[in-house]
C-alpha atoms as a PDB file:
ATOM      1  CA  MET A   1      -3.106   6.520  -2.075  1.00  0.00           C
ATOM      2  CA  ARG A   2      -2.463  10.167  -2.791  1.00  0.00           C
ATOM      3  CA  THR A   3       1.176  11.191  -2.864  1.00  0.00           C
ATOM      4  CA  ASP A   4       2.724  14.639  -2.482  1.00  0.00           C
ATOM      5  CA  SER A   5      -0.620  16.391  -2.028  1.00  0.00           C
ATOM      6  CA  SER A   6      -0.884  19.771  -0.323  1.00  0.00           C
ATOM      7  CA  VAL A   7      -1.809  17.868   2.820  1.00  0.00           C
ATOM      8  CA  ALA A   8       1.459  15.964   2.630  1.00  0.00           C
ATOM      9  CA  ARG A   9       3.646  19.001   1.888  1.00  0.00           C
ATOM     10  CA  GLY A  10       2.492  21.457   4.524  1.00  0.00           C
ATOM     11  CA  SER A  11       3.700  25.037   4.912  1.00  0.00           C
ATOM     12  CA  VAL A  12       6.527  27.080   6.367  1.00  0.00           C
ATOM     13  CA  ALA A  13       5.027  26.673   9.849  1.00  0.00           C
ATOM     14  CA  VAL A  14       5.104  22.887   9.528  1.00  0.00           C
ATOM     15  CA  ARG A  15       8.656  22.936   8.223  1.00  0.00           C
ATOM     16  CA  ARG A  16       9.867  25.128  11.069  1.00  0.00           C
ATOM     17  CA  ALA A  17       8.232  22.881  13.667  1.00  0.00           C
ATOM     18  CA  LEU A  18       9.902  19.808  12.187  1.00  0.00           C
ATOM     19  CA  GLU A  19      13.275  21.516  11.920  1.00  0.00           C
ATOM     20  CA  THR A  20      13.073  22.521  15.590  1.00  0.00           C
ATOM     21  CA  GLU A  21      12.247  18.938  16.530  1.00  0.00           C
ATOM     22  CA  LEU A  22      15.171  17.586  14.529  1.00  0.00           C
ATOM     23  CA  GLU A  23      17.576  20.102  16.047  1.00  0.00           C
ATOM     24  CA  ALA A  24      16.601  18.794  19.476  1.00  0.00           C
ATOM     25  CA  ALA A  25      17.012  15.206  18.265  1.00  0.00           C
ATOM     26  CA  ALA A  26      20.439  15.987  16.831  1.00  0.00           C
ATOM     27  CA  SER A  27      21.575  17.319  20.194  1.00  0.00           C
ATOM     28  CA  ARG A  28      20.545  14.004  21.749  1.00  0.00           C
ATOM     29  CA  THR A  29      21.674  11.488  19.144  1.00  0.00           C
ATOM     30  CA  GLY A  30      24.025  13.280  16.726  1.00  0.00           C
ATOM     31  CA  ARG A  31      22.275  12.033  13.575  1.00  0.00           C
ATOM     32  CA  PRO A  32      18.468  11.927  13.786  1.00  0.00           C
ATOM     33  CA  ARG A  33      16.587   8.976  12.349  1.00  0.00           C
ATOM     34  CA  VAL A  34      13.395   9.888  10.490  1.00  0.00           C
ATOM     35  CA  VAL A  35      10.645   7.561   9.291  1.00  0.00           C
ATOM     36  CA  ASP A  36       8.240   8.960   6.694  1.00  0.00           C
ATOM     37  CA  VAL A  37       5.171   6.726   6.381  1.00  0.00           C
ATOM     38  CA  GLY A  38       3.363   7.231   3.089  1.00  0.00           C
ATOM     39  CA  GLY A  39       6.221   9.520   2.130  1.00  0.00           C
ATOM     40  CA  GLY A  40       5.445   9.559  -1.586  1.00  0.00           C
ATOM     41  CA  SER A  41       8.204  10.812  -3.846  1.00  0.00           C
ATOM     42  CA  GLY A  42      10.320  12.255  -1.063  1.00  0.00           C
ATOM     43  CA  VAL A  43       9.124  15.826  -0.494  1.00  0.00           C
ATOM     44  CA  TRP A  44      10.290  15.590   3.115  1.00  0.00           C
ATOM     45  CA  ALA A  45      12.744  12.704   2.869  1.00  0.00           C
ATOM     46  CA  VAL A  46      15.191  14.426   0.524  1.00  0.00           C
ATOM     47  CA  ARG A  47      15.060  17.645   2.549  1.00  0.00           C
ATOM     48  CA  PHE A  48      15.825  15.834   5.795  1.00  0.00           C
ATOM     49  CA  ALA A  49      18.531  13.670   4.265  1.00  0.00           C
ATOM     50  CA  ALA A  50      20.214  16.797   2.892  1.00  0.00           C
ATOM     51  CA  ALA A  51      20.195  18.150   6.444  1.00  0.00           C
ATOM     52  CA  GLY A  52      22.093  15.069   7.631  1.00  0.00           C
ATOM     53  CA  CYS A  53      19.292  12.781   8.822  1.00  0.00           C
ATOM     54  CA  LEU A  54      18.976   9.080   8.088  1.00  0.00           C
ATOM     55  CA  VAL A  55      15.541   8.610   6.527  1.00  0.00           C
ATOM     56  CA  THR A  56      13.360   5.574   5.929  1.00  0.00           C
ATOM     57  CA  VAL A  57      10.393   5.993   3.596  1.00  0.00           C
ATOM     58  CA  VAL A  58       7.591   3.422   3.686  1.00  0.00           C
ATOM     59  CA  GLU A  59       5.404   3.927   0.612  1.00  0.00           C
ATOM     60  CA  PRO A  60       3.317   1.428  -1.423  1.00  0.00           C
ATOM     61  CA  ASN A  61       3.407   3.396  -4.687  1.00  0.00           C
ATOM     62  CA  HIS A  62       6.319   2.113  -6.796  1.00  0.00           C
ATOM     63  CA  ASN A  63       6.199   5.091  -9.173  1.00  0.00           C
ATOM     64  CA  ALA A  64       6.515   7.481  -6.247  1.00  0.00           C
ATOM     65  CA  LEU A  65       9.473   5.534  -4.919  1.00  0.00           C
ATOM     66  CA  ALA A  66      11.162   5.674  -8.314  1.00  0.00           C
ATOM     67  CA  THR A  67      10.835   9.464  -8.244  1.00  0.00           C
ATOM     68  CA  LEU A  68      12.174   9.496  -4.683  1.00  0.00           C
ATOM     69  CA  ARG A  69      15.247   7.525  -5.693  1.00  0.00           C
ATOM     70  CA  ARG A  70      15.893   9.853  -8.623  1.00  0.00           C
ATOM     71  CA  ARG A  71      15.549  12.951  -6.435  1.00  0.00           C
ATOM     72  CA  ALA A  72      17.834  11.448  -3.812  1.00  0.00           C
ATOM     73  CA  ALA A  73      20.478  10.648  -6.423  1.00  0.00           C
ATOM     74  CA  GLU A  74      20.288  14.134  -7.910  1.00  0.00           C
ATOM     75  CA  GLU A  75      20.778  15.684  -4.465  1.00  0.00           C
ATOM     76  CA  GLY A  76      23.580  13.286  -3.551  1.00  0.00           C
ATOM     77  CA  VAL A  77      21.762  11.845  -0.529  1.00  0.00           C
ATOM     78  CA  ALA A  78      20.811   8.372  -1.792  1.00  0.00           C
ATOM     79  CA  ASP A  79      23.032   6.747   0.839  1.00  0.00           C
ATOM     80  CA  ARG A  80      20.970   8.368   3.614  1.00  0.00           C
ATOM     81  CA  ILE A  81      17.543   7.231   2.389  1.00  0.00           C
ATOM     82  CA  THR A  82      16.076   3.738   2.633  1.00  0.00           C
ATOM     83  CA  ALA A  83      12.989   3.276   0.450  1.00  0.00           C
ATOM     84  CA  ILE A  84      10.600   0.446   1.329  1.00  0.00           C
ATOM     85  CA  ALA A  85       7.675  -0.530  -0.871  1.00  0.00           C
ATOM     86  CA  ASP A  86       4.969  -1.507   1.598  1.00  0.00           C
ATOM     87  CA  ASP A  87       1.801  -0.333   3.307  1.00  0.00           C
ATOM     88  CA  SER A  88       1.718   1.627   6.549  1.00  0.00           C
ATOM     89  CA  ASP A  89       0.194  -1.383   8.323  1.00  0.00           C
ATOM     90  CA  SER A  90       3.528  -3.182   7.850  1.00  0.00           C
ATOM     91  CA  LEU A  91       5.635  -0.469   9.465  1.00  0.00           C
ATOM     92  CA  GLY A  92       6.662  -2.692  12.376  1.00  0.00           C
ATOM     93  CA  ALA A  93       8.180  -5.235   9.999  1.00  0.00           C
ATOM     94  CA  HIS A  94      10.667  -2.675   8.679  1.00  0.00           C
ATOM     95  CA  VAL A  95      11.305  -0.219  11.519  1.00  0.00           C
ATOM     96  CA  PRO A  96      12.482  -1.429  14.948  1.00  0.00           C
ATOM     97  CA  ALA A  97      10.334  -0.349  17.857  1.00  0.00           C
ATOM     98  CA  GLY A  98      11.509   2.822  19.574  1.00  0.00           C
ATOM     99  CA  SER A  99      14.124   3.619  16.934  1.00  0.00           C
ATOM    100  CA  ALA A 100      12.896   6.797  15.204  1.00  0.00           C
ATOM    101  CA  ASP A 101      13.493  10.316  16.472  1.00  0.00           C
ATOM    102  CA  LEU A 102      10.762  11.646  14.188  1.00  0.00           C
ATOM    103  CA  VAL A 103       7.929   9.728  12.524  1.00  0.00           C
ATOM    104  CA  LEU A 104       5.917  11.476   9.817  1.00  0.00           C
ATOM    105  CA  ALA A 105       2.400  10.624   8.658  1.00  0.00           C
ATOM    106  CA  HIS A 106       1.404  13.533   6.428  1.00  0.00           C
ATOM    107  CA  GLY A 107      -1.707  13.165   4.286  1.00  0.00           C
ATOM    108  CA  LEU A 108      -1.947   9.531   5.390  1.00  0.00           C
ATOM    109  CA  LEU A 109      -4.590   9.178   8.087  1.00  0.00           C
ATOM    110  CA  GLU A 110      -7.312  10.386   5.702  1.00  0.00           C
ATOM    111  CA  VAL A 111      -6.767   7.482   3.305  1.00  0.00           C
ATOM    112  CA  VAL A 112      -5.875   4.393   5.355  1.00  0.00           C
ATOM    113  CA  ASP A 113      -8.489   1.792   6.232  1.00  0.00           C
ATOM    114  CA  ASP A 114      -7.730   1.743   9.964  1.00  0.00           C
ATOM    115  CA  PRO A 115      -6.241   5.019  11.252  1.00  0.00           C
ATOM    116  CA  ALA A 116      -6.156   3.818  14.870  1.00  0.00           C
ATOM    117  CA  ARG A 117      -4.021   0.858  13.854  1.00  0.00           C
ATOM    118  CA  VAL A 118      -1.664   3.165  11.959  1.00  0.00           C
ATOM    119  CA  ILE A 119      -1.382   5.501  14.944  1.00  0.00           C
ATOM    120  CA  GLY A 120      -0.446   2.507  17.083  1.00  0.00           C
ATOM    121  CA  ALA A 121       2.310   1.582  14.625  1.00  0.00           C
ATOM    122  CA  LEU A 122       3.635   5.143  14.560  1.00  0.00           C
ATOM    123  CA  ALA A 123       3.684   5.285  18.356  1.00  0.00           C
ATOM    124  CA  GLU A 124       5.562   1.986  18.535  1.00  0.00           C
ATOM    125  CA  ALA A 125       8.227   3.179  16.104  1.00  0.00           C
ATOM    126  CA  VAL A 126       9.032   6.478  17.824  1.00  0.00           C
ATOM    127  CA  ALA A 127      11.901   6.651  20.297  1.00  0.00           C
ATOM    128  CA  PRO A 128      11.580   7.968  23.853  1.00  0.00           C
ATOM    129  CA  HIS A 129      11.615  11.781  23.649  1.00  0.00           C
ATOM    130  CA  GLY A 130      10.983  11.523  19.901  1.00  0.00           C
ATOM    131  CA  ALA A 131       7.889  12.843  18.141  1.00  0.00           C
ATOM    132  CA  VAL A 132       5.182  11.756  15.740  1.00  0.00           C
ATOM    133  CA  SER A 133       4.136  14.401  13.203  1.00  0.00           C
ATOM    134  CA  VAL A 134       0.709  14.110  11.595  1.00  0.00           C
ATOM    135  CA  LEU A 135      -0.793  16.463   9.034  1.00  0.00           C
ATOM    136  CA  VAL A 136      -4.449  15.932   8.187  1.00  0.00           C
ATOM    137  CA  ALA A 137      -7.317  17.486   6.258  1.00  0.00           C
ATOM    138  CA  ASN A 138      -9.589  19.565   8.490  1.00  0.00           C
ATOM    139  CA  ARG A 139     -13.373  19.048   8.334  1.00  0.00           C
ATOM    140  CA  PRO A 140     -14.472  22.560   9.504  1.00  0.00           C
ATOM    141  CA  ALA A 141     -12.285  24.108   6.810  1.00  0.00           C
ATOM    142  CA  ALA A 142     -13.967  21.992   4.141  1.00  0.00           C
ATOM    143  CA  VAL A 143     -17.355  23.121   5.419  1.00  0.00           C
ATOM    144  CA  LEU A 144     -16.326  26.784   5.446  1.00  0.00           C
ATOM    145  CA  HIS A 145     -14.684  26.710   2.016  1.00  0.00           C
ATOM    146  CA  ARG A 146     -17.796  25.220   0.437  1.00  0.00           C
ATOM    147  CA  ALA A 147     -20.044  27.751   2.151  1.00  0.00           C
ATOM    148  CA  LEU A 148     -17.892  30.692   1.040  1.00  0.00           C
ATOM    149  CA  GLY A 149     -17.968  29.296  -2.487  1.00  0.00           C
ATOM    150  CA  GLY A 150     -21.757  29.299  -2.490  1.00  0.00           C
ATOM    151  CA  ARG A 151     -22.063  25.500  -2.199  1.00  0.00           C
ATOM    152  CA  LEU A 152     -24.267  25.736   0.849  1.00  0.00           C
ATOM    153  CA  ALA A 153     -26.044  22.409   0.457  1.00  0.00           C
ATOM    154  CA  GLU A 154     -22.719  20.561   0.399  1.00  0.00           C
ATOM    155  CA  ALA A 155     -21.446  22.608   3.326  1.00  0.00           C
ATOM    156  CA  ARG A 156     -24.492  21.676   5.388  1.00  0.00           C
ATOM    157  CA  GLN A 157     -24.135  17.999   4.533  1.00  0.00           C
ATOM    158  CA  LEU A 158     -20.480  18.023   5.571  1.00  0.00           C
ATOM    159  CA  LEU A 159     -21.407  19.259   9.040  1.00  0.00           C
ATOM    160  CA  THR A 160     -22.891  15.859   9.866  1.00  0.00           C
ATOM    161  CA  ALA A 161     -21.504  13.569   7.147  1.00  0.00           C
ATOM    162  CA  PRO A 162     -19.923  10.369   8.470  1.00  0.00           C
ATOM    163  CA  ASP A 163     -16.155  10.845   8.680  1.00  0.00           C
ATOM    164  CA  GLY A 164     -16.472  14.336   7.185  1.00  0.00           C
ATOM    165  CA  VAL A 165     -16.591  13.293   3.532  1.00  0.00           C
ATOM    166  CA  LEU A 166     -19.174  13.356   0.753  1.00  0.00           C
ATOM    167  CA  PRO A 167     -19.541  11.014  -2.233  1.00  0.00           C
ATOM    168  CA  ALA A 168     -18.361  13.853  -4.484  1.00  0.00           C
ATOM    169  CA  ASP A 169     -15.003  13.875  -2.680  1.00  0.00           C
ATOM    170  CA  GLY A 170     -14.047  10.619  -4.386  1.00  0.00           C
ATOM    171  CA  ASP A 171     -12.975   7.347  -2.829  1.00  0.00           C
ATOM    172  CA  THR A 172      -9.356   8.419  -2.250  1.00  0.00           C
ATOM    173  CA  LEU A 173     -10.389  10.538   0.759  1.00  0.00           C
ATOM    174  CA  LEU A 174     -11.976   8.404   3.471  1.00  0.00           C
ATOM    175  CA  ARG A 175     -12.211  10.951   6.276  1.00  0.00           C
ATOM    176  CA  ARG A 176     -11.447  14.443   7.549  1.00  0.00           C
ATOM    177  CA  PHE A 177     -10.680  15.456  11.117  1.00  0.00           C
ATOM    178  CA  ASP A 178     -11.289  18.261  13.554  1.00  0.00           C
ATOM    179  CA  THR A 179      -9.086  19.167  16.523  1.00  0.00           C
ATOM    180  CA  ALA A 180     -11.054  17.059  19.014  1.00  0.00           C
ATOM    181  CA  GLY A 181     -11.116  14.051  16.698  1.00  0.00           C
ATOM    182  CA  LEU A 182      -7.396  14.285  16.013  1.00  0.00           C
ATOM    183  CA  ARG A 183      -6.582  14.479  19.725  1.00  0.00           C
ATOM    184  CA  ALA A 184      -8.758  11.447  20.369  1.00  0.00           C
ATOM    185  CA  LEU A 185      -7.126   9.442  17.586  1.00  0.00           C
ATOM    186  CA  LEU A 186      -3.631  10.224  18.852  1.00  0.00           C
ATOM    187  CA  GLY A 187      -4.736   9.125  22.295  1.00  0.00           C
ATOM    188  CA  THR A 188      -5.635   5.653  21.028  1.00  0.00           C
ATOM    189  CA  GLY A 189      -1.910   5.110  20.455  1.00  0.00           C
ATOM    190  CA  GLY A 190      -0.869   6.580  23.790  1.00  0.00           C
ATOM    191  CA  LEU A 191       0.317   9.804  22.145  1.00  0.00           C
ATOM    192  CA  GLU A 192      -0.112  13.266  23.632  1.00  0.00           C
ATOM    193  CA  PRO A 193       0.055  16.381  21.428  1.00  0.00           C
ATOM    194  CA  VAL A 194       2.755  18.856  22.418  1.00  0.00           C
ATOM    195  CA  LEU A 195       1.839  21.049  19.455  1.00  0.00           C
ATOM    196  CA  LEU A 196      -1.465  21.319  17.609  1.00  0.00           C
ATOM    197  CA  ARG A 197      -1.662  24.052  14.993  1.00  0.00           C
ATOM    198  CA  GLY A 198      -3.568  25.002  11.908  1.00  0.00           C
ATOM    199  CA  ASP A 199      -1.865  24.896   8.532  1.00  0.00           C
ATOM    200  CA  GLY A 200      -3.274  27.112   5.822  1.00  0.00           C
ATOM    201  CA  VAL A 201      -5.513  29.466   7.806  1.00  0.00           C
ATOM    202  CA  VAL A 202      -6.043  31.843   4.880  1.00  0.00           C
ATOM    203  CA  ALA A 203      -3.312  30.958   2.382  1.00  0.00           C
ATOM    204  CA  ASP A 204      -5.481  28.461   0.527  1.00  0.00           C
ATOM    205  CA  VAL A 205      -8.543  30.697   0.225  1.00  0.00           C
ATOM    206  CA  LEU A 206      -7.155  34.129  -0.612  1.00  0.00           C
ATOM    207  CA  PRO A 207      -8.530  35.338  -3.964  1.00  0.00           C
ATOM    208  CA  SER A 208      -5.811  35.178  -6.581  1.00  0.00           C
ATOM    209  CA  GLY A 209      -5.000  38.280  -8.560  1.00  0.00           C
ATOM    210  CA  ASN A 210      -7.555  40.593  -6.986  1.00  0.00           C
ATOM    211  CA  VAL A 211      -5.676  41.563  -3.849  1.00  0.00           C
ATOM    212  CA  PRO A 212      -1.874  41.544  -4.034  1.00  0.00           C
ATOM    213  CA  VAL A 213      -0.362  39.835  -1.016  1.00  0.00           C
ATOM    214  CA  ARG A 214       3.291  39.892  -0.078  1.00  0.00           C
ATOM    215  CA  GLU A 215       4.612  36.394   0.512  1.00  0.00           C
ATOM    216  CA  ASP A 216       6.550  37.377   3.619  1.00  0.00           C
ATOM    217  CA  GLU A 217       3.486  39.040   5.165  1.00  0.00           C
ATOM    218  CA  LEU A 218       1.361  35.989   4.425  1.00  0.00           C
ATOM    219  CA  THR A 219       3.946  33.707   6.007  1.00  0.00           C
ATOM    220  CA  GLU A 220       4.158  35.826   9.141  1.00  0.00           C
ATOM    221  CA  PHE A 221       0.382  35.940   9.447  1.00  0.00           C
ATOM    222  CA  GLU A 222       0.097  32.176   9.066  1.00  0.00           C
ATOM    223  CA  LEU A 223       2.766  31.615  11.712  1.00  0.00           C
ATOM    224  CA  ALA A 224       0.965  33.944  14.127  1.00  0.00           C
ATOM    225  CA  ALA A 225      -2.525  32.583  13.449  1.00  0.00           C
ATOM    226  CA  ALA A 226      -1.698  28.879  13.341  1.00  0.00           C
ATOM    227  CA  ALA A 227      -1.849  28.347  17.098  1.00  0.00           C
ATOM    228  CA  GLU A 228      -4.746  30.701  17.840  1.00  0.00           C
ATOM    229  CA  SER A 229      -8.184  29.168  18.260  1.00  0.00           C
ATOM    230  CA  PRO A 230     -10.586  29.579  16.482  1.00  0.00           C
ATOM    231  CA  LEU A 231      -8.272  30.448  13.547  1.00  0.00           C
ATOM    232  CA  ARG A 232      -6.365  27.205  14.050  1.00  0.00           C
ATOM    233  CA  ASP A 233      -9.620  25.257  13.958  1.00  0.00           C
ATOM    234  CA  ILE A 234     -10.651  26.519  10.503  1.00  0.00           C
ATOM    235  CA  ALA A 235      -7.301  26.022   8.780  1.00  0.00           C
ATOM    236  CA  THR A 236      -7.253  23.789   5.712  1.00  0.00           C
ATOM    237  CA  ARG A 237      -5.065  21.279   7.540  1.00  0.00           C
ATOM    238  CA  LEU A 238      -4.242  20.424  11.136  1.00  0.00           C
ATOM    239  CA  HIS A 239      -0.675  19.689  12.198  1.00  0.00           C
ATOM    240  CA  ALA A 240       0.161  17.877  15.412  1.00  0.00           C
ATOM    241  CA  LEU A 241       3.449  16.898  17.014  1.00  0.00           C
ATOM    242  CA  ALA A 242       2.872  14.243  19.639  1.00  0.00           C
ATOM    243  CA  ARG A 243       4.968  12.196  22.030  1.00  0.00           C
ATOM    244  CA  ARG A 244       4.398   9.024  23.944  1.00  0.00           C
ATOM    245  CA  ALA A 245       2.655   9.701  27.224  1.00  0.00           C
ATOM    246  CA  GLY A 246       5.299  10.333  29.855  1.00  0.00           C
ATOM    247  CA  SER A 247       8.109  11.099  27.399  1.00  0.00           C
END
């Protein structure tokens, strides 16, 4: 399983959405409980623990968990993070149903064997009024990036390739999504998106060095473009916040 990839990290827009969600959770519960499934070496876990959350990380990679524990100790938040070495399929064995204010699955659904089963586990773990955050690789972006790079044969194959992957992508990436496919997958777990945005509309494809770009201007553009279709639909990643139906 990949850990701490760009898909897992996300951008300023993703961070702001999660911070807003946790602020709302804090007003309800005082100290939000976060579960990060496939959380790697703690990119999000340490940040949230430093903000006062109680965080559980479920991650099968022991090396990643060792890095997580070191980071947590360095930041003085080890007492707020519980690290569990296990697969996402075993989430229910470690996290009580309906107990998490925020459940993260970033860069996870592309690599698990049964994404619908994982979505069901995420939905079971989230509390009423809580949210599930998923960040996934976007198939149309992969098609567009290859086409713009002159790899037109690959781009054409990706348009119809099963699960939006090619053999050249390697066996660590099992699938990519589009907005319709992500909505449908969330629905299998009884989850309804309250936010569905692009992540990395142009930031990942801007030519380096040729055209100077101010970081603040790029951030503001990404924030403005992330929710606008069709720009959202060609972003490198798709980010969704979803709640249980009726919550």
